[in-house]
Amino acid sequence: MIAKQYKEKFSNLKNTPVRAELNLSFDVEGDKAWIVTGEFELFGEIREFFYVISDQTGEVAYTFDELGNRDPHIERLMPKE
């Protein structure tokens, strides 16, 4: 449910949550985190996307893709030279 609400906030996320597991030591507030795995198809292959949800706050702390890029769906401004 939390991952679905997060997806509504960022409409460019095109994955479907398929499973969740509790991790007792993770980089979030309160240490415990739910890792929700979402899947999507890209060029005929199933790819994965992960939501890290703090067990303490019940909110998405951050997301990452299967390459380890944090919050890849959020645009970041490139520094000016």
Protein backbone atom coordinates (compact mmCIF):
# COMPACT_ATOMS: atom_id res chain seq x y z
CA MET A 1 0.00 0.00 0.00
CA ILE A 2 2.81 2.44 0.88
CA ALA A 3 4.66 1.67 -2.36
CA LYS A 4 1.45 2.18 -4.34
CA GLN A 5 0.89 5.59 -2.70
CA TYR A 6 4.50 6.52 -3.50
CA LYS A 7 3.96 5.52 -7.14
CA GLU A 8 0.96 7.86 -7.30
CA LYS A 9 3.23 10.71 -6.20
CA PHE A 10 5.77 9.86 -8.91
CA SER A 11 3.70 8.91 -11.95
CA ASN A 12 6.83 8.08 -13.98
CA LEU A 13 7.27 4.86 -11.96
CA LYS A 14 5.88 2.03 -14.10
CA ASN A 15 6.39 -1.06 -11.95
CA THR A 16 4.15 -3.45 -10.06
CA PRO A 17 4.99 -4.36 -6.43
CA VAL A 18 5.30 -8.15 -6.24
CA ARG A 19 6.84 -8.98 -2.84
CA ALA A 20 8.06 -7.52 0.43
CA GLU A 21 10.49 -8.66 3.09
CA LEU A 22 11.57 -7.25 6.44
CA ASN A 23 15.27 -6.48 6.81
CA LEU A 24 16.36 -6.05 10.46
CA SER A 25 19.36 -3.83 9.71
CA PHE A 26 19.13 -1.28 6.92
CA ASP A 27 20.11 2.32 6.23
CA VAL A 28 16.85 3.93 7.45
CA GLU A 29 15.44 5.66 10.51
CA GLY A 30 14.93 2.95 13.15
CA ASP A 31 17.20 0.41 11.34
CA LYS A 32 14.38 -2.00 10.35
CA ALA A 33 13.13 -1.64 6.79
CA TRP A 34 10.65 -3.30 4.49
CA ILE A 35 12.11 -3.87 1.04
CA VAL A 36 9.31 -3.93 -1.52
CA THR A 37 10.29 -5.28 -4.92
CA GLY A 38 8.53 -3.97 -7.99
CA GLU A 39 8.84 -5.49 -11.43
CA PHE A 40 8.48 -3.97 -14.88
CA GLU A 41 9.19 -5.03 -18.43
CA LEU A 42 11.89 -3.37 -20.50
CA PHE A 43 12.60 -4.60 -24.03
CA GLY A 44 10.99 -7.95 -23.23
CA GLU A 45 12.98 -8.51 -20.02
CA ILE A 46 11.61 -8.37 -16.47
CA ARG A 47 13.54 -5.79 -14.45
CA GLU A 48 13.37 -5.00 -10.71
CA PHE A 49 12.94 -1.78 -8.75
CA PHE A 50 13.12 -1.54 -4.94
CA TYR A 51 11.32 0.60 -2.37
CA VAL A 52 12.98 0.93 1.06
CA ILE A 53 10.29 1.62 3.65
CA SER A 54 11.21 2.44 7.24
CA ASP A 55 9.39 0.13 9.67
CA GLN A 56 9.50 2.94 12.25
CA THR A 57 8.01 5.76 10.14
CA GLY A 58 6.04 3.73 7.60
CA GLU A 59 7.32 5.95 4.79
CA VAL A 60 9.46 5.36 1.73
CA ALA A 61 12.98 6.38 2.77
CA TYR A 62 14.36 5.96 -0.74
CA THR A 63 14.22 3.74 -3.80
CA PHE A 64 16.88 2.09 -5.92
CA ASP A 65 17.08 0.20 -9.18
CA GLU A 66 18.80 -3.11 -9.84
CA LEU A 67 22.06 -1.26 -10.58
CA GLY A 68 22.02 0.36 -7.12
CA ASN A 69 21.14 3.88 -8.31
CA ARG A 70 19.23 5.70 -5.57
CA ASP A 71 15.98 7.44 -6.49
CA PRO A 72 16.55 7.11 -10.26
CA HIS A 73 13.05 8.46 -11.01
CA ILE A 74 13.80 11.87 -9.44
CA GLU A 75 15.32 14.41 -11.80
CA ARG A 76 18.46 16.10 -10.55
CA LEU A 77 19.83 19.30 -11.97
CA MET A 78 23.27 18.99 -13.48
CA PRO A 79 25.84 21.39 -12.04
CA LYS A 80 26.71 24.37 -14.22
CA GLU A 81 30.29 24.69 -15.34
